[in-house]
Amino acid sequence: MQGKVDAIFVDTGEQNLKNIARRVRVFRVELNHGNITQQIAPNLTLPDGPSIAVLPFQNMSGDVEQDYFCDGMVEDIITGLARIKWLFVIGRNSSFAYKGKSPDIRQVGRDLGVRYVLEGSVRRVGNRVRITGQLVDAQTGVHLWAERFDRSLDDIFALQDEITLSVIGAIEPSLRQAEIKRVERKRPSDLNAYDLVLRAIPLAHSVMPDGASRGLTLLGQALARQPDYAAAHGYAAWCNEILFLRGGFREENRIAAIRHAHDALVHGRDDATALALGGFVIGLLEHDHATASDAFETALSLSPSSAFSYHLGSIIAGWAGDAERAIEWGERALRLSPFDPLSYLAYDSVAVGHFQRGRDEEAVNAARKAIQFNPGFSINYVLLAAPLAKLSRHDEARTAVARVLELQPSFSISKQFNNVGCARELTALLTDALIEAGLPP
């Protein structure tokens, strides 16, 4: 006897299945029996790297016509997240199978084979809209990030773009931090190249020579396993840059930094993080601002919401004397990811830009905010001392100088600015102010 089965097939993308070495495309079958939906899914295992599903946002407005706004925004978020090289993102068709439902997040994680789930809601009141989002660890049910966005509905499409960039920019560092904490709990014998890079990231972020040295050990192990790992080359470039500028200006570190930076560009043509790291080191130590600019532009075309690219790019713009781009990119990074631990880089860029334009009070305020985010980074105090000196606030400037020399006893104005390729006009302005403040030339 023949008959029709009331079923739909939902594409869950390529997945890792037990007892199959390669990734295979998987479809979930949903059978409808009256009001009951029975799901038949294979036993999915989590991908090696981070994985996420974005559920349809709930329309809390009571206006079904707003569904298109909710759905369009979620589709854009999925597309934007899919641009992040290190993140596995479930496709729209699978995520939207949950539309109109209130599923258990842990079950969603099991159904789709993902570690993280992003959910949210949209509520419109008059000419304003409130959008909430929260990122959940589907394995534990723990909330990793939550944010609320209140905006005017003057231009609904511009709003959709803005919220999409804000959500992606905010959750990317949250996801990375969650992954770092997860890997820290793994035994050293279980680590693969990706895990080793994750363990190295916070050591690089310390921007201290000791952390950079330990990070390089891990990155060397990662590259021994995977020589073309673009992000590993990028972080190795950054660690060597830290050792060069803050660990004694040894030429071998500068050479190694530039070599790894170029390897990051070669192997990371589709990896925004690798391109940003490579561009940063090439601009800072090789003083090739054209190549650096191309790398940042490519990174941002791949991942327009990458606060990381804006952070690093703003620094290169600042030292190159491009005050307007330093401020613009620094402020963009802060808007995309306002609580990012790397925010001190953006504030430093904003401080440099304002100082170059003679806006010393604004430069002081930005430098103080940089210090709040990273009180152990000597350059923050350099960029505070200079505008304080120009404002004739000499006691405060001397206090900042004392902190610079405490953190970096070998600091020299000429060595620092010559080695980072600081623009001639900016170097002259900074040097005059910092000598007045008491830093050694």
Protein backbone atom coordinates (compact mmCIF):
# COMPACT_ATOMS: atom_id res chain seq x y z
CA MET A 1 0.00 0.00 0.00
CA GLN A 2 1.33 3.41 -0.92
CA GLY A 3 0.67 6.64 0.95
CA LYS A 4 2.10 10.08 1.63
CA VAL A 5 4.10 10.89 4.74
CA ASP A 6 3.54 14.36 6.17
CA ALA A 7 7.16 15.30 6.74
CA ILE A 8 9.67 18.04 6.17
CA PHE A 9 13.43 17.79 5.76
CA VAL A 10 15.48 20.45 7.56
CA ASP A 11 19.05 21.08 6.40
CA THR A 12 21.38 21.20 9.45
CA GLY A 13 24.52 21.70 7.37
CA GLU A 14 27.73 19.69 7.46
CA GLN A 15 28.20 17.84 10.73
CA ASN A 16 30.59 15.46 12.50
CA LEU A 17 28.96 12.05 12.93
CA LYS A 18 30.16 9.17 15.03
CA ASN A 19 32.25 6.56 13.22
CA ILE A 20 32.55 8.75 10.09
CA ALA A 21 35.88 10.50 9.64
CA ARG A 22 34.78 13.21 7.21
CA ARG A 23 32.03 15.79 7.73
CA VAL A 24 28.75 14.92 6.00
CA ARG A 25 25.67 16.97 5.15
CA VAL A 26 22.83 16.12 7.51
CA PHE A 27 19.09 16.61 7.22
CA ARG A 28 16.67 16.38 10.12
CA VAL A 29 13.32 14.72 9.36
CA GLU A 30 10.23 16.08 11.08
CA LEU A 31 7.08 13.93 10.96
CA ASN A 32 3.76 15.61 11.72
CA HIS A 33 1.09 13.56 13.53
CA GLY A 34 -1.82 15.87 14.29
CA ASN A 35 -0.47 18.51 16.65
CA ILE A 36 2.59 16.45 17.54
CA THR A 37 5.89 16.82 15.72
CA GLN A 38 8.30 13.92 16.00
CA GLN A 39 11.93 14.69 15.14
CA ILE A 40 14.25 12.05 13.75
CA ALA A 41 17.86 13.21 13.89
CA PRO A 42 21.19 11.44 13.79
CA ASN A 43 23.40 11.38 16.84
CA LEU A 44 25.34 14.58 16.23
CA THR A 45 28.69 15.31 17.84
CA LEU A 46 29.93 18.82 18.42
CA PRO A 47 32.36 20.29 15.88
CA ASP A 48 35.96 20.65 17.05
CA GLY A 49 35.62 24.44 17.18
CA PRO A 50 32.85 26.69 18.55
CA SER A 51 29.40 26.22 17.04
CA ILE A 52 26.27 28.35 17.26
CA ALA A 53 22.63 28.42 16.22
CA VAL A 54 20.63 31.66 16.06
CA LEU A 55 16.98 31.08 16.85
CA PRO A 56 14.22 33.26 15.35
CA PHE A 57 13.68 36.29 17.56
CA GLN A 58 10.28 36.50 19.23
CA ASN A 59 8.01 39.27 17.97
CA MET A 60 6.66 40.79 21.18
CA SER A 61 4.90 43.69 19.41
CA GLY A 62 1.57 41.99 18.83
CA ASP A 63 1.89 43.03 15.19
CA VAL A 64 2.44 40.17 12.77
CA GLU A 65 3.65 42.64 10.16
CA GLN A 66 6.78 43.09 12.30
CA ASP A 67 7.74 39.46 11.67
CA TYR A 68 9.61 40.45 8.53
CA PHE A 69 11.77 42.83 10.57
CA CYS A 70 12.58 40.15 13.17
CA ASP A 71 13.28 37.48 10.56
CA GLY A 72 15.37 39.76 8.37
CA MET A 73 17.53 40.79 11.29
CA VAL A 74 18.12 37.19 12.37
CA GLU A 75 19.03 36.20 8.81
CA ASP A 76 21.57 39.04 8.70
CA ILE A 77 23.02 37.97 12.05
CA ILE A 78 23.41 34.39 10.79
CA THR A 79 25.12 35.68 7.63
CA GLY A 80 27.42 37.92 9.64
CA LEU A 81 28.39 35.19 12.10
CA ALA A 82 29.07 32.83 9.20
CA ARG A 83 31.84 35.21 8.09
CA ILE A 84 33.79 34.50 11.28
CA LYS A 85 36.35 31.94 10.16
CA TRP A 86 36.69 30.09 13.47
CA LEU A 87 32.93 29.77 14.10
CA PHE A 88 30.62 26.99 12.85
CA VAL A 89 27.16 28.46 12.22
CA ILE A 90 23.97 26.48 11.65
CA GLY A 91 22.07 27.58 8.53
CA ARG A 92 18.86 29.57 8.49
CA ASN A 93 16.62 26.66 7.46
CA SER A 94 17.54 24.66 10.54
CA SER A 95 17.28 27.60 12.95
CA PHE A 96 13.90 28.70 11.59
CA ALA A 97 12.42 25.25 12.23
CA TYR A 98 11.98 26.60 15.78
CA LYS A 99 9.98 29.66 14.73
CA GLY A 100 6.90 30.13 16.87
CA LYS A 101 8.15 27.62 19.45
CA SER A 102 9.73 27.94 22.88
CA PRO A 103 12.24 25.12 22.81
CA ASP A 104 14.52 24.03 25.61
CA ILE A 105 17.94 25.48 24.76
CA ARG A 106 19.78 22.34 25.81
CA GLN A 107 17.59 20.29 23.50
CA VAL A 108 18.28 22.72 20.66
CA GLY A 109 21.98 22.18 21.26
CA ARG A 110 21.53 18.41 21.08
CA ASP A 111 19.25 18.57 18.01
CA LEU A 112 21.55 20.80 15.99
CA GLY A 113 24.89 19.69 17.38
CA VAL A 114 25.96 23.16 18.63
CA ARG A 115 27.57 24.43 21.80
CA TYR A 116 26.01 27.92 21.82
CA VAL A 117 22.57 29.34 21.06
CA LEU A 118 21.63 32.98 20.49
CA GLU A 119 18.01 33.92 21.18
CA GLY A 120 16.21 37.22 21.46
CA SER A 121 13.03 39.26 21.15
CA VAL A 122 11.77 42.43 19.47
CA ARG A 123 9.16 44.78 20.94
CA ARG A 124 7.89 47.84 19.09
CA VAL A 125 6.28 50.72 20.97
CA GLY A 126 5.23 53.67 18.83
CA ASN A 127 8.21 54.80 16.79
CA ARG A 128 10.75 52.99 18.93
CA VAL A 129 11.89 49.40 19.06
CA ARG A 130 13.54 47.44 21.87
CA ILE A 131 15.63 44.43 20.91
CA THR A 132 17.07 42.01 23.45
CA GLY A 133 19.55 39.25 22.81
CA GLN A 134 21.17 36.61 24.96
CA LEU A 135 23.87 34.06 24.30
CA VAL A 136 23.50 30.72 26.09
CA ASP A 137 25.85 27.78 26.52
CA ALA A 138 23.61 24.96 25.32
CA GLN A 139 25.63 22.38 27.22
CA THR A 140 25.17 23.97 30.64
CA GLY A 141 22.31 26.44 30.18
CA VAL A 142 24.54 29.25 31.48
CA HIS A 143 23.95 32.74 30.06
CA LEU A 144 27.21 34.12 28.66
CA TRP A 145 26.05 37.50 27.37
CA ALA A 146 22.92 39.60 27.30
CA GLU A 147 22.23 43.04 25.90
CA ARG A 148 19.32 45.37 25.18
CA PHE A 149 19.16 47.81 22.28
CA ASP A 150 16.67 50.72 22.23
CA ARG A 151 16.45 52.55 18.92
CA SER A 152 14.22 54.84 16.88
CA LEU A 153 12.45 53.32 13.89
CA ASP A 154 13.11 56.28 11.58
CA ASP A 155 14.88 54.03 9.04
CA ILE A 156 13.99 50.42 9.67
CA PHE A 157 16.60 49.03 7.27
CA ALA A 158 19.41 51.15 8.69
CA LEU A 159 18.30 50.04 12.15
CA GLN A 160 18.40 46.40 11.07
CA ASP A 161 21.97 46.82 9.83
CA GLU A 162 23.06 48.67 12.96
CA ILE A 163 21.60 46.10 15.36
CA THR A 164 23.06 43.24 13.34
CA LEU A 165 26.57 44.70 13.53
CA SER A 166 26.17 45.49 17.24
CA VAL A 167 24.99 41.99 18.13
CA ILE A 168 27.76 40.27 16.17
CA GLY A 169 30.43 42.64 17.42
CA ALA A 170 29.36 42.12 21.02
CA ILE A 171 29.03 38.34 21.05
CA GLU A 172 32.24 37.53 19.12
CA PRO A 173 34.57 38.32 22.08
CA SER A 174 32.08 36.66 24.45
CA LEU A 175 32.20 33.47 22.38
CA ARG A 176 35.98 33.53 22.23
CA GLN A 177 36.26 34.04 25.98
CA ALA A 178 33.85 31.15 26.60
CA GLU A 179 35.95 28.94 24.33
CA ILE A 180 39.16 29.94 26.13
CA LYS A 181 37.65 29.00 29.49
CA ARG A 182 36.43 25.70 28.08
CA VAL A 183 39.87 24.80 26.72
CA GLU A 184 41.56 25.75 29.99
CA ARG A 185 39.66 22.86 31.58
CA LYS A 186 41.02 20.32 29.07
CA ARG A 187 44.03 18.13 29.79
CA PRO A 188 47.22 19.13 27.93
CA SER A 189 47.30 15.69 26.28
CA ASP A 190 43.90 16.42 24.65
CA LEU A 191 44.89 19.69 22.99
CA ASN A 192 44.83 20.18 19.22
CA ALA A 193 46.13 23.14 17.19
CA TYR A 194 42.95 25.16 17.72
CA ASP A 195 43.02 24.58 21.49
CA LEU A 196 46.68 25.61 21.67
CA VAL A 197 45.91 28.89 19.91
CA LEU A 198 43.01 29.52 22.30
CA ARG A 199 45.35 29.02 25.26
CA ALA A 200 47.84 31.44 23.71
CA ILE A 201 45.32 34.25 23.11
CA PRO A 202 45.03 35.55 26.71
CA LEU A 203 48.83 35.41 26.99
CA ALA A 204 49.11 37.63 23.91
CA HIS A 205 46.38 39.91 25.24
CA SER A 206 48.46 40.50 28.37
CA VAL A 207 50.86 42.50 26.11
CA MET A 208 53.60 41.59 28.59
CA PRO A 209 56.90 39.93 27.57
CA ASP A 210 56.45 37.00 29.96
CA GLY A 211 52.98 36.23 28.61
CA ALA A 212 54.17 36.64 25.03
CA SER A 213 57.03 34.18 25.60
CA ARG A 214 54.69 31.56 27.04
CA GLY A 215 52.22 32.21 24.25
CA LEU A 216 54.90 31.60 21.63
CA THR A 217 55.62 28.17 23.11
CA LEU A 218 51.97 27.17 22.63
CA LEU A 219 51.80 28.73 19.18
CA GLY A 220 54.94 26.87 18.13
CA GLN A 221 53.24 23.61 19.11
CA ALA A 222 50.13 24.61 17.13
CA LEU A 223 52.18 25.40 14.02
CA ALA A 224 54.07 22.14 14.34
CA ARG A 225 50.70 20.39 14.06
CA GLN A 226 49.34 22.72 11.36
CA PRO A 227 52.02 24.82 9.57
CA ASP A 228 49.50 26.80 7.51
CA TYR A 229 47.36 27.85 10.50
CA ALA A 230 46.88 31.54 9.70
CA ALA A 231 45.64 32.66 13.12
CA ALA A 232 48.56 30.90 14.83
CA HIS A 233 50.96 32.84 12.60
CA GLY A 234 49.07 36.04 13.39
CA TYR A 235 49.28 35.59 17.14
CA ALA A 236 52.93 34.52 16.86
CA ALA A 237 53.57 37.79 15.02
CA TRP A 238 51.86 39.74 17.81
CA CYS A 239 53.77 37.92 20.57
CA ASN A 240 57.08 38.64 18.86
CA GLU A 241 56.06 42.30 18.43
CA ILE A 242 55.39 42.49 22.18
CA LEU A 243 58.78 40.96 22.94
CA PHE A 244 60.47 43.41 20.56
CA LEU A 245 58.86 46.63 21.77
CA ARG A 246 58.59 45.76 25.46
CA GLY A 247 61.33 43.19 25.93
CA GLY A 248 64.51 44.92 24.80
CA PHE A 249 64.21 45.70 21.07
CA ARG A 250 65.94 42.47 20.01
CA GLU A 251 66.22 42.28 16.24
CA GLU A 252 65.39 38.57 16.11
CA ASN A 253 61.95 39.32 17.57
CA ARG A 254 61.27 42.03 14.98
CA ILE A 255 62.30 39.73 12.13
CA ALA A 256 60.21 36.84 13.49
CA ALA A 257 57.21 39.14 13.99
CA ILE A 258 57.31 40.36 10.40
CA ARG A 259 57.84 36.84 9.02
CA HIS A 260 54.84 35.44 10.90
CA ALA A 261 52.77 38.49 9.91
CA HIS A 262 53.35 37.84 6.21
CA ASP A 263 52.58 34.14 6.72
CA ALA A 264 49.30 35.19 8.34
CA LEU A 265 48.39 37.19 5.23
CA VAL A 266 49.38 34.38 2.87
CA HIS A 267 47.44 31.66 4.68
CA GLY A 268 44.59 33.83 5.98
CA ARG A 269 43.05 35.36 2.90
CA ASP A 270 39.59 34.46 4.23
CA ASP A 271 40.36 34.88 7.94
CA ALA A 272 39.64 38.36 9.33
CA THR A 273 41.51 37.74 12.59
CA ALA A 274 44.68 36.57 10.85
CA LEU A 275 44.55 39.48 8.40
CA ALA A 276 44.10 42.01 11.20
CA LEU A 277 47.03 40.60 13.18
CA GLY A 278 49.25 40.45 10.11
CA GLY A 279 48.33 43.97 9.07
CA PHE A 280 48.91 45.27 12.59
CA VAL A 281 52.46 43.92 12.85
CA ILE A 282 53.41 44.84 9.27
CA GLY A 283 52.18 48.39 9.83
CA LEU A 284 53.77 48.72 13.25
CA LEU A 285 57.19 47.11 12.74
CA GLU A 286 57.74 47.07 8.98
CA HIS A 287 56.14 50.52 8.58
CA ASP A 288 54.41 49.32 5.42
CA HIS A 289 51.16 51.18 5.91
CA ALA A 290 49.84 50.42 2.42
CA THR A 291 50.01 46.64 2.96
CA ALA A 292 48.60 47.05 6.46
CA SER A 293 45.70 49.14 5.18
CA ASP A 294 44.89 46.56 2.50
CA ALA A 295 44.92 43.80 5.12
CA PHE A 296 42.51 45.69 7.38
CA GLU A 297 40.18 46.59 4.54
CA THR A 298 40.05 42.95 3.46
CA ALA A 299 39.45 41.81 7.04
CA LEU A 300 36.55 44.23 7.38
CA SER A 301 35.08 43.20 4.05
CA LEU A 302 35.10 39.61 5.32
CA SER A 303 33.74 40.50 8.75
CA PRO A 304 32.29 44.05 8.92
CA SER A 305 31.46 43.62 12.61
CA SER A 306 35.02 42.70 13.64
CA ALA A 307 35.79 44.98 16.57
CA PHE A 308 39.18 43.25 16.73
CA SER A 309 40.08 44.56 13.26
CA TYR A 310 38.96 48.07 14.18
CA HIS A 311 40.97 47.96 17.43
CA LEU A 312 44.22 47.00 15.73
CA GLY A 313 43.61 49.12 12.65
CA SER A 314 42.98 52.23 14.74
CA ILE A 315 46.42 51.84 16.35
CA ILE A 316 48.18 51.73 12.98
CA ALA A 317 46.21 54.75 11.79
CA GLY A 318 47.14 56.64 14.95
CA TRP A 319 50.89 56.08 14.70
CA ALA A 320 50.77 56.79 10.95
CA GLY A 321 49.42 60.26 11.75
CA ASP A 322 45.92 59.65 10.36
CA ALA A 323 44.13 61.29 13.28
CA GLU A 324 40.64 61.16 11.79
CA ARG A 325 40.77 57.45 10.98
CA ALA A 326 42.33 56.68 14.38
CA ILE A 327 39.38 58.34 16.11
CA GLU A 328 36.76 56.96 13.72
CA TRP A 329 37.98 53.37 13.89
CA GLY A 330 38.61 53.55 17.63
CA GLU A 331 35.07 54.78 18.27
CA ARG A 332 33.67 52.15 15.90
CA ALA A 333 35.46 49.40 17.84
CA LEU A 334 34.06 50.72 21.11
CA ARG A 335 30.54 50.87 19.73
CA LEU A 336 30.72 47.33 18.34
CA SER A 337 32.17 45.85 21.53
CA PRO A 338 31.92 48.32 24.44
CA PHE A 339 33.12 45.90 27.15
CA ASP A 340 35.92 44.29 25.17
CA PRO A 341 39.15 43.80 27.20
CA LEU A 342 41.00 45.23 24.18
CA SER A 343 39.15 48.54 24.46
CA TYR A 344 42.31 50.18 25.77
CA LEU A 345 43.71 49.96 22.22
CA ALA A 346 40.77 51.93 20.82
CA TYR A 347 40.98 54.53 23.58
CA ASP A 348 44.72 54.90 22.93
CA SER A 349 43.97 55.53 19.25
CA VAL A 350 41.33 58.11 20.15
CA ALA A 351 43.84 59.75 22.54
CA VAL A 352 46.51 59.92 19.82
CA GLY A 353 44.06 61.42 17.32
CA HIS A 354 42.84 64.10 19.71
CA PHE A 355 46.40 64.93 20.83
CA GLN A 356 47.52 65.38 17.24
CA ARG A 357 44.57 67.69 16.60
CA GLY A 358 45.37 69.78 19.70
CA ARG A 359 42.37 68.57 21.70
CA ASP A 360 44.35 67.84 24.85
CA GLU A 361 41.48 67.55 27.33
CA GLU A 362 39.79 64.96 25.12
CA ALA A 363 43.12 63.13 24.81
CA VAL A 364 43.47 63.02 28.60
CA ASN A 365 39.97 61.61 29.00
CA ALA A 366 40.57 58.89 26.40
CA ALA A 367 43.93 57.91 27.91
CA ARG A 368 42.37 57.62 31.37
CA LYS A 369 39.73 55.28 29.98
CA ALA A 370 42.48 53.20 28.35
CA ILE A 371 44.13 52.87 31.76
CA GLN A 372 40.85 51.69 33.30
CA PHE A 373 40.75 48.81 30.80
CA ASN A 374 44.45 47.92 31.11
CA PRO A 375 46.36 49.55 33.99
CA GLY A 376 49.43 47.44 33.21
CA PHE A 377 50.13 48.77 29.69
CA SER A 378 52.84 51.43 29.72
CA ILE A 379 51.78 53.20 26.51
CA ASN A 380 48.48 54.19 28.12
CA TYR A 381 50.45 56.35 30.57
CA VAL A 382 52.66 57.73 27.79
CA LEU A 383 49.55 58.94 26.01
CA LEU A 384 48.26 60.42 29.27
CA ALA A 385 51.50 62.21 30.18
CA ALA A 386 51.82 64.03 26.84
CA PRO A 387 48.51 65.98 26.87
CA LEU A 388 48.84 66.59 30.62
CA ALA A 389 52.19 68.25 30.00
CA LYS A 390 50.71 70.43 27.26
CA LEU A 391 47.95 71.45 29.68
CA SER A 392 50.66 72.41 32.23
CA ARG A 393 49.34 69.83 34.69
CA HIS A 394 52.89 68.88 35.57
CA ASP A 395 52.32 66.97 38.81
CA GLU A 396 49.83 64.65 37.10
CA ALA A 397 52.16 64.27 34.11
CA ARG A 398 55.08 63.30 36.36
CA THR A 399 52.89 60.71 38.10
CA ALA A 400 52.06 59.18 34.71
CA VAL A 401 55.75 59.18 33.73
CA ALA A 402 56.68 57.39 36.94
CA ARG A 403 54.17 54.68 36.08
CA VAL A 404 55.61 54.33 32.56
CA LEU A 405 59.11 53.74 33.94
CA GLU A 406 57.80 51.37 36.59
CA LEU A 407 56.12 49.22 33.97
CA GLN A 408 58.82 49.59 31.29
CA PRO A 409 62.15 50.69 32.87
CA SER A 410 63.94 50.71 29.49
CA PHE A 411 61.42 53.06 27.87
CA SER A 412 62.96 55.61 25.51
CA ILE A 413 60.96 58.17 23.52
CA SER A 414 63.11 57.90 20.40
CA LYS A 415 63.32 54.11 20.42
CA GLN A 416 59.59 53.72 20.91
CA PHE A 417 58.44 56.11 18.20
CA ASN A 418 61.14 55.21 15.68
CA ASN A 419 60.37 51.52 15.96
CA VAL A 420 56.60 51.89 15.56
CA GLY A 421 57.00 54.15 12.54
CA CYS A 422 55.35 57.13 14.21
CA ALA A 423 54.64 59.95 11.74
CA ARG A 424 57.23 62.74 11.82
CA GLU A 425 54.84 65.53 12.86
CA LEU A 426 53.26 63.40 15.59
CA THR A 427 56.69 62.29 16.83
CA ALA A 428 57.76 65.91 17.21
CA LEU A 429 54.59 66.81 19.15
CA LEU A 430 54.86 63.81 21.47
CA THR A 431 58.60 64.18 22.03
CA ASP A 432 58.36 67.83 23.11
CA ALA A 433 55.53 67.08 25.52
CA LEU A 434 57.06 63.90 26.97
CA ILE A 435 60.51 65.44 27.55
CA GLU A 436 58.74 68.25 29.40
CA ALA A 437 56.90 65.59 31.44
CA GLY A 438 60.21 63.90 32.33
CA LEU A 439 60.50 60.83 30.09
CA PRO A 440 64.01 60.01 28.79
CA PRO A 441 64.59 60.93 25.15
